[in-house]
Amino acid sequence: MSKLNSITTCDFIDFDKALNTGIKLMRDKKTELIGFYIIVAINTGLRTSDIRSITFEQLNDKVIKIKEQKTNKNRTIVVNQSILDALSKTTAKNKTGFVFKSQKNAVISTQQVNRLLKVAFSSLLPTHCISTHSLRKTFGRRVYENNNQSEKALMYLSELFNHSTMKLTRIYLGIKQEELDNIYMSL
């Protein structure tokens, strides 16, 4: 919880650490839901409000078509193999309707997802701020790193995240001056 009138920004998580945590959590029925949530989040880059609206039908069709709640823009995401592999391991009974439902059969709340993420990544908590947005940033960092930390990657991410400038995307991804300085040192 942040202090009143303060701005907090949460950190990204190493992609492989997040993926392995998600896979590990999926092995236990009690933590399967948050494990699957992690895998979906780091492979789509969606906000929690949009992830929570995903249905099994969309995943089975291998395409997620949504109208983003925050921006009101239409978005289409192709479901990748990591999500499909995790989906095949879920133990959900009917595999219809909303994917991320609580024990009371209602869509899980953002607050509950945040609580579960803090437990899942408890080893990072002393030094990191972890929230649902951490997973969106994890996706962004992975795309940026897989594309050789290029301006082209920032341009694509700026479009995916609906940011007004690439400078905003740099800040969002937590690209620090130290990282930029290392580019010169690597020549």
N, C-alpha and C. Protein backbone atom coordinates (compact mmCIF):
# COMPACT_ATOMS: atom_id res chain seq x y z
N MET A 1 0.85 -1.17 0.00
CA MET A 1 0.00 0.00 0.00
C MET A 1 0.89 1.24 0.00
N SER A 2 0.56 2.19 -0.85
CA SER A 2 1.37 3.40 -0.90
C SER A 2 0.80 4.46 0.03
N LYS A 3 1.64 5.42 0.37
CA LYS A 3 1.22 6.51 1.23
C LYS A 3 0.32 7.46 0.44
N LEU A 4 -0.58 8.11 1.15
CA LEU A 4 -1.48 9.06 0.53
C LEU A 4 -0.71 10.14 -0.22
N ASN A 5 -1.14 10.44 -1.43
CA ASN A 5 -0.54 11.46 -2.29
C ASN A 5 0.90 11.19 -2.67
N SER A 6 1.34 9.92 -2.62
CA SER A 6 2.69 9.61 -3.06
C SER A 6 2.62 8.78 -4.33
N ILE A 7 3.67 8.86 -5.11
CA ILE A 7 3.75 8.10 -6.35
C ILE A 7 4.68 6.93 -6.11
N THR A 8 4.19 5.75 -6.41
CA THR A 8 5.05 4.58 -6.29
C THR A 8 5.16 3.94 -7.67
N THR A 9 6.27 3.34 -7.92
CA THR A 9 6.47 2.64 -9.18
C THR A 9 7.05 1.28 -8.86
N CYS A 10 6.44 0.27 -9.40
CA CYS A 10 6.90 -1.08 -9.11
C CYS A 10 7.93 -1.53 -10.13
N ASP A 11 8.73 -2.50 -9.73
CA ASP A 11 9.85 -2.97 -10.52
C ASP A 11 9.44 -4.12 -11.43
N PHE A 12 10.23 -4.31 -12.49
CA PHE A 12 10.05 -5.50 -13.31
C PHE A 12 10.75 -6.65 -12.61
N ILE A 13 10.39 -7.86 -13.00
CA ILE A 13 11.00 -9.07 -12.46
C ILE A 13 11.75 -9.73 -13.61
N ASP A 14 12.87 -10.34 -13.33
CA ASP A 14 13.58 -11.08 -14.36
C ASP A 14 12.60 -12.06 -15.01
N PHE A 15 12.53 -12.06 -16.34
CA PHE A 15 11.55 -12.87 -17.07
C PHE A 15 11.66 -14.36 -16.72
N ASP A 16 12.87 -14.89 -16.74
CA ASP A 16 13.05 -16.32 -16.46
C ASP A 16 12.63 -16.66 -15.03
N LYS A 17 12.94 -15.78 -14.09
CA LYS A 17 12.53 -16.00 -12.71
C LYS A 17 11.01 -15.99 -12.60
N ALA A 18 10.38 -15.05 -13.27
CA ALA A 18 8.92 -14.98 -13.24
C ALA A 18 8.30 -16.22 -13.89
N LEU A 19 8.83 -16.63 -15.04
CA LEU A 19 8.31 -17.80 -15.73
C LEU A 19 8.46 -19.06 -14.88
N ASN A 20 9.65 -19.24 -14.32
CA ASN A 20 9.89 -20.42 -13.48
C ASN A 20 9.01 -20.42 -12.23
N THR A 21 8.78 -19.24 -11.67
CA THR A 21 7.88 -19.13 -10.52
C THR A 21 6.47 -19.52 -10.92
N GLY A 22 6.01 -19.02 -12.07
CA GLY A 22 4.68 -19.37 -12.56
C GLY A 22 4.52 -20.87 -12.78
N ILE A 23 5.52 -21.48 -13.41
CA ILE A 23 5.48 -22.93 -13.66
C ILE A 23 5.45 -23.71 -12.35
N LYS A 24 6.29 -23.29 -11.40
CA LYS A 24 6.34 -23.96 -10.10
C LYS A 24 4.99 -23.86 -9.38
N LEU A 25 4.39 -22.67 -9.39
CA LEU A 25 3.11 -22.46 -8.72
C LEU A 25 1.99 -23.27 -9.36
N MET A 26 2.08 -23.50 -10.65
CA MET A 26 1.03 -24.26 -11.34
C MET A 26 1.01 -25.73 -10.94
N ARG A 27 2.07 -26.21 -10.33
CA ARG A 27 2.14 -27.63 -9.92
C ARG A 27 1.25 -27.94 -8.72
N ASP A 28 0.82 -26.92 -8.01
CA ASP A 28 -0.02 -27.11 -6.81
C ASP A 28 -1.40 -26.51 -7.09
N LYS A 29 -2.43 -27.27 -6.86
CA LYS A 29 -3.81 -26.83 -7.11
C LYS A 29 -4.13 -25.51 -6.39
N LYS A 30 -3.56 -25.33 -5.19
CA LYS A 30 -3.84 -24.13 -4.39
C LYS A 30 -3.24 -22.87 -5.00
N THR A 31 -2.14 -23.01 -5.73
CA THR A 31 -1.46 -21.84 -6.28
C THR A 31 -1.48 -21.82 -7.81
N GLU A 32 -2.21 -22.76 -8.39
CA GLU A 32 -2.26 -22.88 -9.85
C GLU A 32 -2.74 -21.60 -10.53
N LEU A 33 -3.78 -20.98 -9.98
CA LEU A 33 -4.37 -19.79 -10.59
C LEU A 33 -3.36 -18.66 -10.70
N ILE A 34 -2.64 -18.36 -9.63
CA ILE A 34 -1.67 -17.26 -9.70
C ILE A 34 -0.48 -17.63 -10.58
N GLY A 35 -0.12 -18.91 -10.60
CA GLY A 35 0.95 -19.36 -11.50
C GLY A 35 0.57 -19.13 -12.95
N PHE A 36 -0.65 -19.49 -13.30
CA PHE A 36 -1.12 -19.29 -14.68
C PHE A 36 -1.25 -17.81 -14.99
N TYR A 37 -1.70 -17.03 -14.01
CA TYR A 37 -1.81 -15.57 -14.18
C TYR A 37 -0.43 -14.99 -14.54
N ILE A 38 0.60 -15.40 -13.81
CA ILE A 38 1.95 -14.90 -14.06
C ILE A 38 2.37 -15.21 -15.50
N ILE A 39 2.15 -16.45 -15.92
CA ILE A 39 2.56 -16.86 -17.26
C ILE A 39 1.81 -16.06 -18.33
N VAL A 40 0.52 -15.87 -18.16
CA VAL A 40 -0.26 -15.09 -19.12
C VAL A 40 0.22 -13.64 -19.13
N ALA A 41 0.42 -13.06 -17.96
CA ALA A 41 0.80 -11.65 -17.86
C ALA A 41 2.16 -11.37 -18.51
N ILE A 42 3.16 -12.20 -18.26
CA ILE A 42 4.49 -11.92 -18.80
C ILE A 42 4.59 -12.26 -20.29
N ASN A 43 3.60 -12.97 -20.82
CA ASN A 43 3.61 -13.30 -22.24
C ASN A 43 2.66 -12.45 -23.07
N THR A 44 1.86 -11.60 -22.42
CA THR A 44 0.96 -10.72 -23.18
C THR A 44 1.25 -9.25 -22.95
N GLY A 45 1.76 -8.89 -21.78
CA GLY A 45 2.01 -7.48 -21.48
C GLY A 45 0.73 -6.70 -21.21
N LEU A 46 -0.35 -7.38 -20.94
CA LEU A 46 -1.62 -6.70 -20.67
C LEU A 46 -1.69 -6.18 -19.23
N ARG A 47 -2.52 -5.17 -19.05
CA ARG A 47 -2.82 -4.69 -17.70
C ARG A 47 -3.70 -5.72 -16.99
N THR A 48 -3.69 -5.69 -15.67
CA THR A 48 -4.48 -6.66 -14.92
C THR A 48 -5.97 -6.56 -15.23
N SER A 49 -6.47 -5.36 -15.46
CA SER A 49 -7.90 -5.21 -15.77
C SER A 49 -8.26 -5.97 -17.04
N ASP A 50 -7.33 -6.05 -17.98
CA ASP A 50 -7.59 -6.76 -19.23
C ASP A 50 -7.33 -8.26 -19.10
N ILE A 51 -6.34 -8.64 -18.33
CA ILE A 51 -6.05 -10.07 -18.11
C ILE A 51 -7.23 -10.73 -17.41
N ARG A 52 -7.78 -10.05 -16.44
CA ARG A 52 -8.88 -10.62 -15.66
C ARG A 52 -10.11 -10.87 -16.52
N SER A 53 -10.21 -10.24 -17.69
CA SER A 53 -11.37 -10.42 -18.56
C SER A 53 -11.15 -11.51 -19.62
N ILE A 54 -10.00 -12.16 -19.62
CA ILE A 54 -9.70 -13.21 -20.60
C ILE A 54 -10.56 -14.44 -20.32
N THR A 55 -11.03 -15.05 -21.40
CA THR A 55 -11.85 -16.26 -21.28
C THR A 55 -11.09 -17.47 -21.82
N PHE A 56 -11.53 -18.64 -21.38
CA PHE A 56 -10.95 -19.88 -21.90
C PHE A 56 -11.18 -19.99 -23.41
N GLU A 57 -12.31 -19.50 -23.86
CA GLU A 57 -12.62 -19.56 -25.28
C GLU A 57 -11.58 -18.78 -26.09
N GLN A 58 -11.17 -17.60 -25.61
CA GLN A 58 -10.15 -16.82 -26.30
C GLN A 58 -8.83 -17.58 -26.35
N LEU A 59 -8.44 -18.17 -25.23
CA LEU A 59 -7.18 -18.90 -25.19
C LEU A 59 -7.23 -20.11 -26.12
N ASN A 60 -8.35 -20.83 -26.12
CA ASN A 60 -8.47 -21.99 -27.00
C ASN A 60 -8.49 -21.60 -28.48
N ASP A 61 -9.00 -20.41 -28.78
CA ASP A 61 -8.98 -19.89 -30.16
C ASP A 61 -7.60 -19.36 -30.54
N LYS A 62 -6.71 -19.27 -29.56
CA LYS A 62 -5.33 -18.82 -29.73
C LYS A 62 -5.22 -17.34 -30.12
N VAL A 63 -6.29 -16.59 -29.86
CA VAL A 63 -6.29 -15.15 -30.12
C VAL A 63 -7.11 -14.47 -29.03
N ILE A 64 -6.53 -13.44 -28.43
CA ILE A 64 -7.24 -12.65 -27.44
C ILE A 64 -7.57 -11.32 -28.09
N LYS A 65 -8.87 -11.06 -28.25
CA LYS A 65 -9.32 -9.78 -28.80
C LYS A 65 -10.03 -9.05 -27.67
N ILE A 66 -9.50 -7.89 -27.34
CA ILE A 66 -10.07 -7.13 -26.23
C ILE A 66 -10.16 -5.65 -26.59
N LYS A 67 -10.97 -4.96 -25.83
CA LYS A 67 -10.98 -3.50 -25.85
C LYS A 67 -10.36 -3.13 -24.52
N GLU A 68 -9.16 -2.53 -24.56
CA GLU A 68 -8.47 -2.21 -23.32
C GLU A 68 -9.33 -1.30 -22.46
N GLN A 69 -9.44 -1.67 -21.18
CA GLN A 69 -10.28 -0.89 -20.28
C GLN A 69 -9.75 0.52 -20.05
N LYS A 70 -8.43 0.65 -19.95
CA LYS A 70 -7.87 1.97 -19.66
C LYS A 70 -7.91 2.90 -20.86
N THR A 71 -7.54 2.38 -22.04
CA THR A 71 -7.41 3.24 -23.22
C THR A 71 -8.62 3.18 -24.14
N ASN A 72 -9.47 2.18 -23.95
CA ASN A 72 -10.64 1.98 -24.80
C ASN A 72 -10.24 1.64 -26.25
N LYS A 73 -9.01 1.17 -26.45
CA LYS A 73 -8.53 0.80 -27.78
C LYS A 73 -8.64 -0.70 -27.96
N ASN A 74 -8.92 -1.11 -29.20
CA ASN A 74 -8.98 -2.53 -29.52
C ASN A 74 -7.58 -3.10 -29.64
N ARG A 75 -7.43 -4.32 -29.20
CA ARG A 75 -6.12 -4.96 -29.24
C ARG A 75 -6.30 -6.43 -29.52
N THR A 76 -5.42 -6.99 -30.33
CA THR A 76 -5.42 -8.42 -30.64
C THR A 76 -4.07 -8.99 -30.26
N ILE A 77 -4.10 -10.06 -29.47
CA ILE A 77 -2.86 -10.71 -29.01
C ILE A 77 -2.93 -12.17 -29.43
N VAL A 78 -1.90 -12.61 -30.12
CA VAL A 78 -1.80 -14.02 -30.48
C VAL A 78 -1.29 -14.77 -29.25
N VAL A 79 -1.96 -15.85 -28.89
CA VAL A 79 -1.59 -16.64 -27.71
C VAL A 79 -0.38 -17.49 -28.08
N ASN A 80 0.73 -17.30 -27.37
CA ASN A 80 1.96 -18.03 -27.70
C ASN A 80 2.01 -19.41 -27.06
N GLN A 81 3.04 -20.16 -27.41
CA GLN A 81 3.15 -21.55 -26.96
C GLN A 81 3.31 -21.68 -25.45
N SER A 82 3.97 -20.74 -24.82
CA SER A 82 4.12 -20.79 -23.35
C SER A 82 2.76 -20.76 -22.66
N ILE A 83 1.87 -19.92 -23.15
CA ILE A 83 0.53 -19.84 -22.57
C ILE A 83 -0.24 -21.12 -22.87
N LEU A 84 -0.14 -21.60 -24.10
CA LEU A 84 -0.86 -22.83 -24.48
C LEU A 84 -0.38 -24.03 -23.67
N ASP A 85 0.93 -24.11 -23.44
CA ASP A 85 1.47 -25.21 -22.63
C ASP A 85 0.93 -25.14 -21.21
N ALA A 86 0.92 -23.94 -20.65
CA ALA A 86 0.42 -23.77 -19.28
C ALA A 86 -1.09 -24.05 -19.23
N LEU A 87 -1.81 -23.61 -20.26
CA LEU A 87 -3.26 -23.85 -20.32
C LEU A 87 -3.56 -25.34 -20.29
N SER A 88 -2.76 -26.12 -21.01
CA SER A 88 -3.01 -27.57 -21.05
C SER A 88 -2.81 -28.24 -19.69
N LYS A 89 -2.10 -27.56 -18.80
CA LYS A 89 -1.83 -28.12 -17.47
C LYS A 89 -2.79 -27.63 -16.40
N THR A 90 -3.70 -26.70 -16.76
CA THR A 90 -4.64 -26.21 -15.76
C THR A 90 -5.67 -27.30 -15.43
N THR A 91 -6.13 -27.26 -14.21
CA THR A 91 -7.10 -28.27 -13.76
C THR A 91 -8.51 -27.71 -13.64
N ALA A 92 -8.75 -26.55 -14.26
CA ALA A 92 -10.09 -25.95 -14.21
C ALA A 92 -11.11 -26.97 -14.72
N LYS A 93 -12.25 -27.03 -14.07
CA LYS A 93 -13.25 -28.05 -14.37
C LYS A 93 -13.85 -27.92 -15.77
N ASN A 94 -14.47 -26.79 -16.06
CA ASN A 94 -15.20 -26.66 -17.32
C ASN A 94 -14.38 -26.05 -18.45
N LYS A 95 -13.40 -25.27 -18.10
CA LYS A 95 -12.59 -24.54 -19.07
C LYS A 95 -13.46 -23.74 -20.03
N THR A 96 -14.45 -23.06 -19.46
CA THR A 96 -15.27 -22.11 -20.21
C THR A 96 -15.44 -20.87 -19.34
N GLY A 97 -15.74 -19.77 -19.98
CA GLY A 97 -15.93 -18.52 -19.24
C GLY A 97 -14.61 -17.88 -18.84
N PHE A 98 -14.69 -17.00 -17.85
CA PHE A 98 -13.50 -16.28 -17.40
C PHE A 98 -12.47 -17.26 -16.82
N VAL A 99 -11.21 -17.00 -17.11
CA VAL A 99 -10.12 -17.88 -16.65
C VAL A 99 -9.81 -17.62 -15.18
N PHE A 100 -9.71 -16.37 -14.80
CA PHE A 100 -9.19 -16.02 -13.48
C PHE A 100 -10.33 -15.74 -12.50
N LYS A 101 -10.90 -16.84 -12.01
CA LYS A 101 -12.02 -16.75 -11.07
C LYS A 101 -11.59 -17.19 -9.68
N SER A 102 -12.21 -16.56 -8.69
CA SER A 102 -11.94 -16.90 -7.29
C SER A 102 -12.69 -18.17 -6.92
N GLN A 103 -12.50 -18.61 -5.68
CA GLN A 103 -13.22 -19.78 -5.18
C GLN A 103 -14.73 -19.54 -5.15
N LYS A 104 -15.13 -18.28 -5.08
CA LYS A 104 -16.55 -17.93 -5.07
C LYS A 104 -17.11 -17.78 -6.48
N ASN A 105 -16.31 -18.16 -7.49
CA ASN A 105 -16.70 -18.16 -8.89
C ASN A 105 -16.88 -16.75 -9.49
N ALA A 106 -16.28 -15.75 -8.85
CA ALA A 106 -16.28 -14.38 -9.38
C ALA A 106 -14.88 -14.10 -9.92
N VAL A 107 -14.79 -13.16 -10.87
CA VAL A 107 -13.48 -12.79 -11.39
C VAL A 107 -12.62 -12.28 -10.23
N ILE A 108 -11.41 -12.78 -10.15
CA ILE A 108 -10.50 -12.43 -9.05
C ILE A 108 -10.20 -10.92 -9.08
N SER A 109 -10.10 -10.31 -7.92
CA SER A 109 -9.86 -8.86 -7.84
C SER A 109 -8.38 -8.54 -8.01
N THR A 110 -8.12 -7.33 -8.42
CA THR A 110 -6.74 -6.85 -8.55
C THR A 110 -6.04 -6.91 -7.20
N GLN A 111 -6.73 -6.57 -6.14
CA GLN A 111 -6.14 -6.60 -4.81
C GLN A 111 -5.72 -8.01 -4.44
N GLN A 112 -6.55 -9.00 -4.76
CA GLN A 112 -6.20 -10.39 -4.46
C GLN A 112 -5.00 -10.83 -5.29
N VAL A 113 -4.97 -10.46 -6.56
CA VAL A 113 -3.81 -10.81 -7.40
C VAL A 113 -2.55 -10.20 -6.81
N ASN A 114 -2.62 -8.94 -6.39
CA ASN A 114 -1.44 -8.29 -5.78
C ASN A 114 -0.99 -9.02 -4.52
N ARG A 115 -1.93 -9.43 -3.68
CA ARG A 115 -1.56 -10.18 -2.47
C ARG A 115 -0.87 -11.49 -2.85
N LEU A 116 -1.41 -12.20 -3.81
CA LEU A 116 -0.82 -13.48 -4.22
C LEU A 116 0.56 -13.30 -4.86
N LEU A 117 0.73 -12.22 -5.61
CA LEU A 117 2.04 -11.95 -6.22
C LEU A 117 3.09 -11.63 -5.15
N LYS A 118 2.70 -10.91 -4.13
CA LYS A 118 3.64 -10.59 -3.05
C LYS A 118 4.09 -11.87 -2.34
N VAL A 119 3.20 -12.84 -2.20
CA VAL A 119 3.58 -14.13 -1.61
C VAL A 119 4.49 -14.89 -2.58
N ALA A 120 4.11 -14.91 -3.86
CA ALA A 120 4.88 -15.65 -4.86
C ALA A 120 6.31 -15.13 -5.01
N PHE A 121 6.46 -13.82 -4.91
CA PHE A 121 7.78 -13.20 -5.08
C PHE A 121 8.29 -12.60 -3.78
N SER A 122 7.98 -13.25 -2.66
CA SER A 122 8.34 -12.73 -1.33
C SER A 122 9.85 -12.54 -1.18
N SER A 123 10.64 -13.34 -1.87
CA SER A 123 12.10 -13.20 -1.74
C SER A 123 12.59 -11.88 -2.32
N LEU A 124 11.81 -11.25 -3.21
CA LEU A 124 12.20 -9.97 -3.81
C LEU A 124 11.71 -8.77 -3.02
N LEU A 125 10.73 -8.97 -2.14
CA LEU A 125 10.07 -7.84 -1.48
C LEU A 125 10.97 -6.88 -0.70
N PRO A 126 12.00 -7.34 -0.02
CA PRO A 126 12.79 -6.35 0.72
C PRO A 126 13.41 -5.28 -0.18
N THR A 127 13.72 -5.63 -1.43
CA THR A 127 14.40 -4.68 -2.31
C THR A 127 13.58 -4.25 -3.51
N HIS A 128 12.44 -4.87 -3.75
CA HIS A 128 11.63 -4.57 -4.93
C HIS A 128 10.18 -4.27 -4.54
N CYS A 129 9.55 -3.45 -5.35
CA CYS A 129 8.11 -3.23 -5.25
C CYS A 129 7.48 -4.18 -6.27
N ILE A 130 6.61 -5.06 -5.82
CA ILE A 130 5.98 -6.05 -6.69
C ILE A 130 4.48 -5.82 -6.73
N SER A 131 3.94 -5.77 -7.95
CA SER A 131 2.49 -5.65 -8.14
C SER A 131 2.14 -6.26 -9.48
N THR A 132 0.86 -6.19 -9.83
CA THR A 132 0.44 -6.72 -11.12
C THR A 132 1.17 -6.01 -12.26
N HIS A 133 1.47 -4.75 -12.06
CA HIS A 133 2.16 -3.99 -13.10
C HIS A 133 3.61 -4.45 -13.30
N SER A 134 4.18 -5.09 -12.29
CA SER A 134 5.54 -5.63 -12.42
C SER A 134 5.60 -6.63 -13.58
N LEU A 135 4.54 -7.39 -13.76
CA LEU A 135 4.52 -8.40 -14.81
C LEU A 135 4.42 -7.76 -16.19
N ARG A 136 3.69 -6.68 -16.31
CA ARG A 136 3.62 -5.92 -17.58
C ARG A 136 5.00 -5.37 -17.92
N LYS A 137 5.69 -4.86 -16.91
CA LYS A 137 7.04 -4.35 -17.13
C LYS A 137 8.02 -5.47 -17.45
N THR A 138 7.81 -6.65 -16.87
CA THR A 138 8.64 -7.82 -17.16
C THR A 138 8.53 -8.18 -18.64
N PHE A 139 7.31 -8.18 -19.15
CA PHE A 139 7.09 -8.40 -20.59
C PHE A 139 7.88 -7.38 -21.40
N GLY A 140 7.74 -6.11 -21.04
CA GLY A 140 8.43 -5.04 -21.78
C GLY A 140 9.93 -5.20 -21.77
N ARG A 141 10.49 -5.52 -20.60
CA ARG A 141 11.95 -5.70 -20.52
C ARG A 141 12.40 -6.88 -21.38
N ARG A 142 11.60 -7.95 -21.40
CA ARG A 142 11.95 -9.12 -22.21
C ARG A 142 11.96 -8.77 -23.69
N VAL A 143 10.96 -8.06 -24.15
CA VAL A 143 10.90 -7.63 -25.56
C VAL A 143 12.11 -6.74 -25.87
N TYR A 144 12.39 -5.82 -24.99
CA TYR A 144 13.51 -4.89 -25.18
C TYR A 144 14.84 -5.64 -25.25
N GLU A 145 15.05 -6.57 -24.34
CA GLU A 145 16.30 -7.34 -24.32
C GLU A 145 16.40 -8.31 -25.49
N ASN A 146 15.29 -8.94 -25.88
CA ASN A 146 15.31 -9.88 -27.01
C ASN A 146 15.55 -9.18 -28.34
N ASN A 147 15.36 -7.89 -28.37
CA ASN A 147 15.59 -7.11 -29.58
C ASN A 147 16.82 -6.22 -29.45
N ASN A 148 17.81 -6.73 -28.72
CA ASN A 148 19.12 -6.07 -28.57
C ASN A 148 19.02 -4.66 -28.03
N GLN A 149 18.05 -4.42 -27.16
CA GLN A 149 17.88 -3.12 -26.51
C GLN A 149 17.87 -1.98 -27.53
N SER A 150 17.19 -2.22 -28.63
CA SER A 150 17.20 -1.28 -29.75
C SER A 150 16.10 -0.23 -29.65
N GLU A 151 16.28 0.84 -30.41
CA GLU A 151 15.26 1.87 -30.51
C GLU A 151 14.00 1.29 -31.16
N LYS A 152 14.20 0.35 -32.07
CA LYS A 152 13.07 -0.30 -32.74
C LYS A 152 12.21 -1.02 -31.71
N ALA A 153 12.83 -1.70 -30.76
CA ALA A 153 12.09 -2.38 -29.69
C ALA A 153 11.31 -1.36 -28.87
N LEU A 154 11.94 -0.24 -28.55
CA LEU A 154 11.25 0.81 -27.79
C LEU A 154 10.05 1.37 -28.57
N MET A 155 10.23 1.49 -29.89
CA MET A 155 9.15 1.98 -30.73
C MET A 155 7.96 1.01 -30.69
N TYR A 156 8.24 -0.29 -30.83
CA TYR A 156 7.18 -1.30 -30.77
C TYR A 156 6.50 -1.31 -29.40
N LEU A 157 7.30 -1.26 -28.36
CA LEU A 157 6.74 -1.28 -27.00
C LEU A 157 5.91 -0.03 -26.73
N SER A 158 6.39 1.10 -27.22
CA SER A 158 5.64 2.34 -27.05
C SER A 158 4.25 2.19 -27.67
N GLU A 159 4.19 1.56 -28.82
CA GLU A 159 2.91 1.30 -29.50
C GLU A 159 2.07 0.30 -28.71
N LEU A 160 2.68 -0.81 -28.28
CA LEU A 160 1.96 -1.84 -27.52
C LEU A 160 1.40 -1.30 -26.20
N PHE A 161 2.19 -0.48 -25.53
CA PHE A 161 1.79 0.06 -24.24
C PHE A 161 0.93 1.32 -24.37
N ASN A 162 0.75 1.80 -25.59
CA ASN A 162 0.00 3.04 -25.84
C ASN A 162 0.63 4.24 -25.13
N HIS A 163 1.96 4.29 -25.15
CA HIS A 163 2.65 5.44 -24.57
C HIS A 163 2.75 6.54 -25.62
N SER A 164 2.75 7.78 -25.18
CA SER A 164 2.80 8.90 -26.11
C SER A 164 4.19 9.13 -26.68
N THR A 165 5.24 8.72 -25.95
CA THR A 165 6.61 8.90 -26.44
C THR A 165 7.48 7.70 -26.06
N MET A 166 8.58 7.54 -26.79
CA MET A 166 9.52 6.47 -26.45
C MET A 166 10.26 6.81 -25.16
N LYS A 167 10.39 8.09 -24.85
CA LYS A 167 11.02 8.49 -23.60
C LYS A 167 10.21 7.96 -22.41
N LEU A 168 8.91 8.05 -22.52
CA LEU A 168 8.03 7.52 -21.48
C LEU A 168 8.20 6.00 -21.36
N THR A 169 8.36 5.33 -22.48
CA THR A 169 8.57 3.88 -22.47
C THR A 169 9.89 3.53 -21.78
N ARG A 170 10.94 4.32 -22.05
CA ARG A 170 12.23 4.09 -21.38
C ARG A 170 12.08 4.20 -19.86
N ILE A 171 11.41 5.23 -19.42
CA ILE A 171 11.18 5.44 -17.99
C ILE A 171 10.36 4.28 -17.43
N TYR A 172 9.33 3.92 -18.14
CA TYR A 172 8.43 2.84 -17.72
C TYR A 172 9.19 1.53 -17.53
N LEU A 173 10.11 1.24 -18.44
CA LEU A 173 10.90 0.00 -18.36
C LEU A 173 12.02 0.08 -17.34
N GLY A 174 12.23 1.25 -16.77
CA GLY A 174 13.28 1.40 -15.76
C GLY A 174 14.67 1.41 -16.36
N ILE A 175 14.78 1.88 -17.61
CA ILE A 175 16.09 1.96 -18.25
C ILE A 175 16.80 3.16 -17.65
N LYS A 176 17.84 2.87 -16.94
CA LYS A 176 18.55 3.90 -16.19
C LYS A 176 19.76 4.40 -16.99
N GLN A 177 20.22 5.57 -16.63
CA GLN A 177 21.36 6.18 -17.30
C GLN A 177 22.57 5.25 -17.27
N GLU A 178 22.72 4.53 -16.18
CA GLU A 178 23.83 3.58 -16.04
C GLU A 178 23.82 2.55 -17.18
N GLU A 179 22.64 2.05 -17.54
CA GLU A 179 22.53 1.10 -18.64
C GLU A 179 22.88 1.76 -19.97
N LEU A 180 22.43 3.01 -20.14
CA LEU A 180 22.76 3.74 -21.36
C LEU A 180 24.25 4.00 -21.46
N ASP A 181 24.89 4.32 -20.34
CA ASP A 181 26.33 4.55 -20.33
C ASP A 181 27.10 3.28 -20.70
N ASN A 182 26.58 2.11 -20.30
CA ASN A 182 27.25 0.85 -20.61
C ASN A 182 27.31 0.57 -22.10
N ILE A 183 26.40 1.16 -22.85
CA ILE A 183 26.44 0.98 -24.31
C ILE A 183 27.76 1.51 -24.85
N TYR A 184 28.21 2.67 -24.37
CA TYR A 184 29.46 3.25 -24.84
C TYR A 184 30.66 2.41 -24.42
N MET A 185 30.55 1.83 -23.24
CA MET A 185 31.67 1.03 -22.73
C MET A 185 31.80 -0.30 -23.47
N SER A 186 30.73 -0.75 -24.12
CA SER A 186 30.76 -2.05 -24.80
C SER A 186 31.28 -1.95 -26.23
N LEU A 187 31.61 -0.75 -26.69
CA LEU A 187 32.10 -0.58 -28.08
C LEU A 187 33.54 -1.02 -28.23
